[in-house]
Amino acid sequence: MVGFRPADVPPTAAVKFIGAGTAACIADLFTFPLDTAKVRLQIQGEGKGAAASHGTAVRYRGVFGTITTMVRTEGARSLYSGLVAGLHRQMSFASVRIGLYDSVKSFYTKGSDHVGIGSRLLAGCTTGAMAVALAQPTDVVKVRFQAQTSSSGLNRRYHGTMEAYKTIAKEEGIRGLWRGTGPNIARNAIVNCTELVTYDLIKDLLIRNTPLTDDLPCHFTSAFGAGFCTTVIASPVDVVKTRYLNSALGQYSGALNCAIAMVTKEGPLAFYKGFMPSFLRLGSWNVVMFVTYEQLKRAIMAARQNYTTPL
């Protein structure tokens, strides 16, 4: 990212790639319950009639109300349902979209020190699309685990991560694992651009115009600001993505049909269902991820320098 002091040795692309995936996994371990609560709130109201007929309708009210209800009715482990797929996703997804961002940005600017907003946005779109193309199956499995209630083991769609991959491929075809790739690319182009570009810009502005240096307070402030901006802009696409990925085969003809059904049945505010857990999760995830990422990059490069420096 921007703002490294001249004395610092720039981290290599491999360091950024590994560091981003590792930092994202650490961030997921801390924030996964908020992500699960977000998914439950986003799918609430979908298929009310079917849910009621099976007696499985559950009303979630707010972030902590959702978490409390899940712990009471399904146990505390339900908050981490889908974690394994989530970690699969971060190692493949974050490594590409975050770890390769600087390299792709340099490619578009041909190594120039002047980086315009257009180059930042183009780099964010590129790495976001690349990451989705690679990691979409992990996202499908993660969302489905988070969406399923676990109060009764007999009613669960999937009982294990690898079983879920195999079951989806068997019942829905290989294309089922890439269900929702279109809306997910749209969502992550928005998220990646907003998140990375906002973080990049805020960090650059803080270093240039305030006493803050390229260190922890600057990383924390930039990450939190990026989390808020991203949640506001990306929430509608995120809700559609969650609904579509979790939908039964044939329930919607496409992502656009899913969005139209939401507006028709639930109104435009449905696009902001789960906004607060989205913000709490994305804000805290960004803080943990970017702070850890920046520190990991420096630690790895310092270790490499110490290893290669002759005694």
Protein backbone atom coordinates (compact mmCIF):
# COMPACT_ATOMS: atom_id res chain seq x y z
CA MET A 1 0.00 0.00 0.00
CA VAL A 2 1.01 3.65 -0.13
CA GLY A 3 3.04 5.49 2.43
CA PHE A 4 6.09 3.34 3.14
CA ARG A 5 9.08 5.29 4.39
CA PRO A 6 12.09 5.37 2.04
CA ALA A 7 14.13 3.36 4.53
CA ASP A 8 11.67 0.52 4.43
CA VAL A 9 12.27 -2.39 2.10
CA PRO A 10 9.12 -2.87 -0.04
CA PRO A 11 7.55 -6.29 0.51
CA THR A 12 7.50 -8.64 -2.43
CA ALA A 13 4.31 -9.81 -4.15
CA ALA A 14 4.71 -13.24 -2.53
CA VAL A 15 4.95 -11.66 0.94
CA LYS A 16 1.80 -9.63 0.28
CA PHE A 17 -0.02 -12.68 -1.11
CA ILE A 18 0.75 -14.90 1.90
CA GLY A 19 0.35 -12.06 4.39
CA ALA A 20 -3.08 -11.06 3.08
CA GLY A 21 -4.46 -14.61 3.25
CA THR A 22 -3.07 -15.20 6.74
CA ALA A 23 -4.30 -11.85 8.07
CA ALA A 24 -7.76 -12.42 6.56
CA CYS A 25 -8.04 -15.82 8.28
CA ILE A 26 -7.11 -14.25 11.62
CA ALA A 27 -9.70 -11.52 11.06
CA ASP A 28 -12.36 -14.15 10.24
CA LEU A 29 -11.69 -16.01 13.50
CA PHE A 30 -12.57 -12.84 15.43
CA THR A 31 -15.51 -11.60 13.36
CA PHE A 32 -17.21 -14.73 12.00
CA PRO A 33 -20.20 -14.62 14.43
CA LEU A 34 -21.06 -11.14 13.14
CA ASP A 35 -20.91 -12.42 9.57
CA THR A 36 -23.22 -15.32 10.45
CA ALA A 37 -25.67 -12.91 12.11
CA LYS A 38 -25.56 -10.75 8.99
CA VAL A 39 -26.44 -13.72 6.77
CA ARG A 40 -29.37 -14.75 8.99
CA LEU A 41 -30.78 -11.22 8.96
CA GLN A 42 -30.31 -10.92 5.20
CA ILE A 43 -32.27 -14.10 4.41
CA GLN A 44 -35.00 -13.40 6.97
CA GLY A 45 -38.33 -12.81 5.28
CA GLU A 46 -37.46 -15.02 2.33
CA GLY A 47 -39.98 -17.80 1.71
CA LYS A 48 -42.11 -16.94 4.73
CA GLY A 49 -44.89 -19.27 3.76
CA ALA A 50 -42.65 -22.30 3.35
CA ALA A 51 -40.84 -21.61 6.58
CA ALA A 52 -44.04 -21.19 8.52
CA SER A 53 -45.49 -24.38 7.15
CA HIS A 54 -42.52 -26.29 8.49
CA GLY A 55 -42.61 -24.49 11.80
CA THR A 56 -39.05 -23.24 11.41
CA ALA A 57 -39.64 -19.50 11.19
CA VAL A 58 -37.32 -17.62 13.53
CA ARG A 59 -37.49 -13.90 14.12
CA TYR A 60 -34.13 -12.20 14.42
CA ARG A 61 -34.08 -8.66 15.76
CA GLY A 62 -30.82 -6.75 15.54
CA VAL A 63 -27.25 -7.94 15.75
CA PHE A 64 -27.07 -9.05 19.34
CA GLY A 65 -30.67 -10.27 19.33
CA THR A 66 -29.77 -12.55 16.41
CA ILE A 67 -26.65 -13.83 18.14
CA THR A 68 -28.56 -14.39 21.40
CA THR A 69 -31.36 -16.25 19.60
CA MET A 70 -28.90 -18.46 17.77
CA VAL A 71 -27.01 -19.35 20.94
CA ARG A 72 -30.27 -20.08 22.79
CA THR A 73 -31.88 -22.19 20.07
CA GLU A 74 -28.90 -23.76 18.31
CA GLY A 75 -25.95 -23.47 20.67
CA ALA A 76 -22.87 -21.28 20.58
CA ARG A 77 -21.19 -23.41 17.88
CA SER A 78 -23.83 -22.26 15.38
CA LEU A 79 -22.15 -18.85 15.30
CA TYR A 80 -19.14 -20.50 13.65
CA SER A 81 -21.08 -22.69 11.23
CA GLY A 82 -19.24 -22.54 7.92
CA LEU A 83 -15.95 -21.38 9.46
CA VAL A 84 -13.89 -24.02 7.64
CA ALA A 85 -15.28 -22.91 4.28
CA GLY A 86 -14.76 -19.32 5.42
CA LEU A 87 -11.07 -19.98 6.02
CA HIS A 88 -10.83 -21.76 2.66
CA ARG A 89 -12.37 -18.65 1.15
CA GLN A 90 -10.00 -16.19 2.80
CA MET A 91 -6.84 -18.09 1.89
CA SER A 92 -7.85 -18.13 -1.77
CA PHE A 93 -9.92 -14.95 -1.91
CA ALA A 94 -8.12 -12.37 0.22
CA SER A 95 -4.71 -13.52 -0.99
CA VAL A 96 -5.70 -12.54 -4.53
CA ARG A 97 -7.88 -9.47 -4.03
CA ILE A 98 -5.70 -7.81 -1.37
CA GLY A 99 -2.32 -9.45 -1.81
CA LEU A 100 -2.12 -8.73 -5.54
CA TYR A 101 -3.70 -5.25 -5.39
CA ASP A 102 -0.42 -3.31 -5.25
CA SER A 103 1.13 -5.41 -8.03
CA VAL A 104 -1.87 -4.92 -10.33
CA LYS A 105 -1.96 -1.21 -9.47
CA SER A 106 1.72 -0.90 -10.43
CA PHE A 107 0.98 -2.77 -13.65
CA TYR A 108 -1.72 -0.28 -14.64
CA THR A 109 0.47 2.72 -13.75
CA LYS A 110 3.55 1.15 -15.39
CA GLY A 111 5.49 1.64 -12.17
CA SER A 112 4.82 5.38 -11.95
CA ASP A 113 4.99 7.04 -8.50
CA HIS A 114 1.84 9.00 -9.35
CA VAL A 115 -1.21 6.79 -8.80
CA GLY A 116 -4.55 8.27 -9.83
CA ILE A 117 -7.99 7.24 -8.60
CA GLY A 118 -8.71 5.55 -11.93
CA SER A 119 -5.76 3.20 -11.59
CA ARG A 120 -6.74 2.35 -8.02
CA LEU A 121 -10.33 1.60 -9.04
CA LEU A 122 -9.23 -0.48 -12.02
CA ALA A 123 -6.83 -2.50 -9.85
CA GLY A 124 -9.55 -3.08 -7.26
CA CYS A 125 -12.02 -4.30 -9.89
CA THR A 126 -9.41 -6.59 -11.45
CA THR A 127 -8.24 -8.32 -8.29
CA GLY A 128 -11.82 -8.55 -6.99
CA ALA A 129 -13.01 -10.32 -10.15
CA MET A 130 -9.97 -12.63 -10.17
CA ALA A 131 -10.59 -13.57 -6.52
CA VAL A 132 -14.27 -14.40 -7.11
CA ALA A 133 -13.50 -16.55 -10.14
CA LEU A 134 -11.12 -18.59 -7.99
CA ALA A 135 -12.93 -18.71 -4.65
CA GLN A 136 -16.66 -18.76 -5.54
CA PRO A 137 -17.26 -22.40 -4.44
CA THR A 138 -15.95 -21.62 -0.97
CA ASP A 139 -18.33 -18.66 -0.72
CA VAL A 140 -21.33 -20.77 -1.77
CA VAL A 141 -20.59 -23.39 0.89
CA LYS A 142 -19.87 -20.78 3.58
CA VAL A 143 -23.17 -18.94 3.03
CA ARG A 144 -25.20 -22.15 3.01
CA PHE A 145 -23.70 -23.33 6.27
CA GLN A 146 -24.34 -19.95 7.88
CA ALA A 147 -27.94 -19.90 6.63
CA GLN A 148 -28.96 -23.36 7.81
CA THR A 149 -30.32 -23.74 11.30
CA SER A 150 -28.64 -26.40 13.39
CA SER A 151 -31.21 -26.92 16.14
CA SER A 152 -32.06 -30.29 14.60
CA GLY A 153 -29.33 -32.31 12.95
CA LEU A 154 -31.88 -34.21 10.83
CA ASN A 155 -33.01 -31.03 9.08
CA ARG A 156 -29.57 -29.78 8.14
CA ARG A 157 -28.72 -29.54 4.45
CA TYR A 158 -25.05 -30.32 5.00
CA HIS A 159 -23.10 -31.96 7.83
CA GLY A 160 -19.53 -31.28 6.75
CA THR A 161 -17.58 -28.90 4.55
CA MET A 162 -16.21 -31.44 2.08
CA GLU A 163 -19.61 -33.18 1.99
CA ALA A 164 -21.18 -29.84 1.07
CA TYR A 165 -18.81 -29.34 -1.87
CA LYS A 166 -19.56 -32.86 -3.13
CA THR A 167 -23.33 -32.65 -2.53
CA ILE A 168 -23.70 -29.34 -4.36
CA ALA A 169 -21.65 -30.60 -7.29
CA LYS A 170 -23.69 -33.83 -7.43
CA GLU A 171 -27.16 -32.28 -7.08
CA GLU A 172 -26.64 -29.00 -8.95
CA GLY A 173 -23.69 -29.79 -11.17
CA ILE A 174 -20.29 -28.13 -11.14
CA ARG A 175 -22.06 -24.89 -12.10
CA GLY A 176 -23.82 -25.05 -8.73
CA LEU A 177 -20.50 -24.38 -7.01
CA TRP A 178 -20.15 -21.23 -9.09
CA ARG A 179 -23.77 -20.14 -8.48
CA GLY A 180 -24.03 -16.39 -8.14
CA THR A 181 -20.64 -15.68 -9.67
CA GLY A 182 -22.09 -12.71 -11.57
CA PRO A 183 -23.57 -10.89 -8.58
CA ASN A 184 -20.57 -11.86 -6.48
CA ILE A 185 -18.20 -10.31 -9.02
CA ALA A 186 -20.38 -7.18 -8.99
CA ARG A 187 -20.45 -7.19 -5.21
CA ASN A 188 -16.72 -7.71 -4.85
CA ALA A 189 -15.84 -5.20 -7.53
CA ILE A 190 -17.73 -2.68 -5.41
CA VAL A 191 -16.37 -3.99 -2.10
CA ASN A 192 -12.81 -4.30 -3.33
CA CYS A 193 -12.76 -0.88 -4.93
CA THR A 194 -14.39 0.82 -1.97
CA GLU A 195 -12.45 -1.08 0.68
CA LEU A 196 -8.97 -1.06 -0.81
CA VAL A 197 -9.16 2.28 -2.58
CA THR A 198 -10.69 4.02 0.45
CA TYR A 199 -8.08 2.44 2.73
CA ASP A 200 -5.36 3.44 0.30
CA LEU A 201 -6.60 7.04 -0.03
CA ILE A 202 -7.30 7.60 3.69
CA LYS A 203 -3.91 6.19 4.61
CA ASP A 204 -2.17 8.34 1.99
CA LEU A 205 -4.03 11.48 3.14
CA LEU A 206 -3.26 10.84 6.82
CA ILE A 207 0.44 10.34 6.14
CA ARG A 208 0.66 13.42 3.93
CA ASN A 209 -1.49 15.82 5.95
CA THR A 210 -1.35 14.75 9.62
CA PRO A 211 1.36 13.90 12.14
CA LEU A 212 0.44 10.21 11.74
CA THR A 213 3.07 7.96 10.18
CA ASP A 214 2.73 4.60 8.44
CA ASP A 215 2.05 2.77 11.69
CA LEU A 216 -0.68 1.30 13.89
CA PRO A 217 -2.87 4.42 14.56
CA CYS A 218 -2.86 5.29 10.85
CA HIS A 219 -3.69 1.69 9.83
CA PHE A 220 -6.51 1.50 12.41
CA THR A 221 -8.13 4.77 11.32
CA SER A 222 -7.85 3.98 7.62
CA ALA A 223 -9.29 0.47 8.05
CA PHE A 224 -12.26 1.63 10.12
CA GLY A 225 -13.12 4.39 7.65
CA ALA A 226 -12.86 1.96 4.76
CA GLY A 227 -15.20 -0.48 6.55
CA PHE A 228 -17.94 2.12 6.97
CA CYS A 229 -17.76 3.38 3.38
CA THR A 230 -17.79 -0.16 2.03
CA THR A 231 -20.83 -1.21 4.07
CA VAL A 232 -22.90 1.77 2.90
CA ILE A 233 -22.11 1.24 -0.77
CA ALA A 234 -22.03 -2.56 -0.98
CA SER A 235 -24.92 -3.63 1.29
CA PRO A 236 -27.63 -3.93 -1.44
CA VAL A 237 -25.47 -6.13 -3.66
CA ASP A 238 -24.34 -8.16 -0.64
CA VAL A 239 -27.92 -8.94 0.38
CA VAL A 240 -28.83 -10.08 -3.15
CA LYS A 241 -25.69 -12.20 -3.29
CA THR A 242 -26.52 -13.89 0.02
CA ARG A 243 -30.12 -14.59 -0.98
CA TYR A 244 -29.12 -15.96 -4.39
CA LEU A 245 -26.29 -18.16 -3.10
CA ASN A 246 -28.57 -19.64 -0.44
CA SER A 247 -31.58 -20.16 -2.75
CA ALA A 248 -32.89 -23.56 -3.79
CA LEU A 249 -32.31 -24.67 -7.36
CA GLY A 250 -34.84 -22.89 -9.60
CA GLN A 251 -36.09 -20.49 -6.89
CA TYR A 252 -34.77 -17.51 -8.85
CA SER A 253 -33.99 -17.32 -12.55
CA GLY A 254 -31.04 -15.07 -11.82
CA ALA A 255 -29.63 -12.42 -9.51
CA LEU A 256 -31.78 -9.69 -11.09
CA ASN A 257 -34.91 -11.81 -10.55
CA CYS A 258 -33.86 -12.26 -6.92
CA ALA A 259 -33.50 -8.48 -6.49
CA ILE A 260 -36.90 -7.83 -8.11
CA ALA A 261 -38.55 -10.43 -5.86
CA MET A 262 -37.04 -8.74 -2.80
CA VAL A 263 -38.36 -5.31 -3.79
CA THR A 264 -41.81 -6.68 -4.68
CA LYS A 265 -42.32 -8.74 -1.53
CA GLU A 266 -40.32 -6.85 1.10
CA GLY A 267 -39.73 -3.34 -0.19
CA PRO A 268 -36.48 -1.44 -0.93
CA LEU A 269 -35.35 -1.51 2.71
CA ALA A 270 -34.79 -5.25 2.26
CA PHE A 271 -31.53 -4.32 0.52
CA TYR A 272 -30.23 -3.02 3.84
CA LYS A 273 -31.22 -5.98 5.97
CA GLY A 274 -28.37 -6.87 8.27
CA PHE A 275 -26.73 -3.45 7.81
CA MET A 276 -25.56 -3.11 11.41
CA PRO A 277 -23.92 -6.55 11.65
CA SER A 278 -22.48 -5.92 8.20
CA PHE A 279 -20.89 -2.70 9.43
CA LEU A 280 -19.77 -4.15 12.76
CA ARG A 281 -18.35 -7.17 11.00
CA LEU A 282 -16.72 -5.32 8.09
CA GLY A 283 -15.40 -2.50 10.26
CA SER A 284 -13.87 -4.85 12.82
CA TRP A 285 -12.72 -7.26 10.07
CA ASN A 286 -10.97 -4.43 8.25
CA VAL A 287 -9.25 -3.24 11.40
CA VAL A 288 -7.98 -6.70 12.36
CA MET A 289 -7.11 -7.65 8.78
CA PHE A 290 -5.28 -4.50 7.67
CA VAL A 291 -3.44 -3.97 10.96
CA THR A 292 -2.35 -7.63 10.97
CA TYR A 293 -1.51 -7.50 7.27
CA GLU A 294 0.72 -4.43 7.63
CA GLN A 295 2.51 -5.93 10.64
CA LEU A 296 2.94 -9.32 8.96
CA LYS A 297 4.48 -7.71 5.88
CA ARG A 298 7.01 -5.88 7.99
CA ALA A 299 7.76 -8.87 10.18
CA ILE A 300 8.32 -11.14 7.17
CA MET A 301 10.56 -8.62 5.41
CA ALA A 302 12.51 -7.98 8.64
CA ALA A 303 13.02 -11.70 9.07
CA ARG A 304 14.22 -12.01 5.47
CA GLN A 305 16.66 -9.12 5.93
CA ASN A 306 18.06 -10.65 9.13
CA TYR A 307 18.38 -14.01 7.41
CA THR A 308 20.24 -12.62 4.40
CA THR A 309 22.42 -10.09 6.28
CA PRO A 310 25.93 -11.52 6.80
CA LEU A 311 27.12 -11.72 10.40
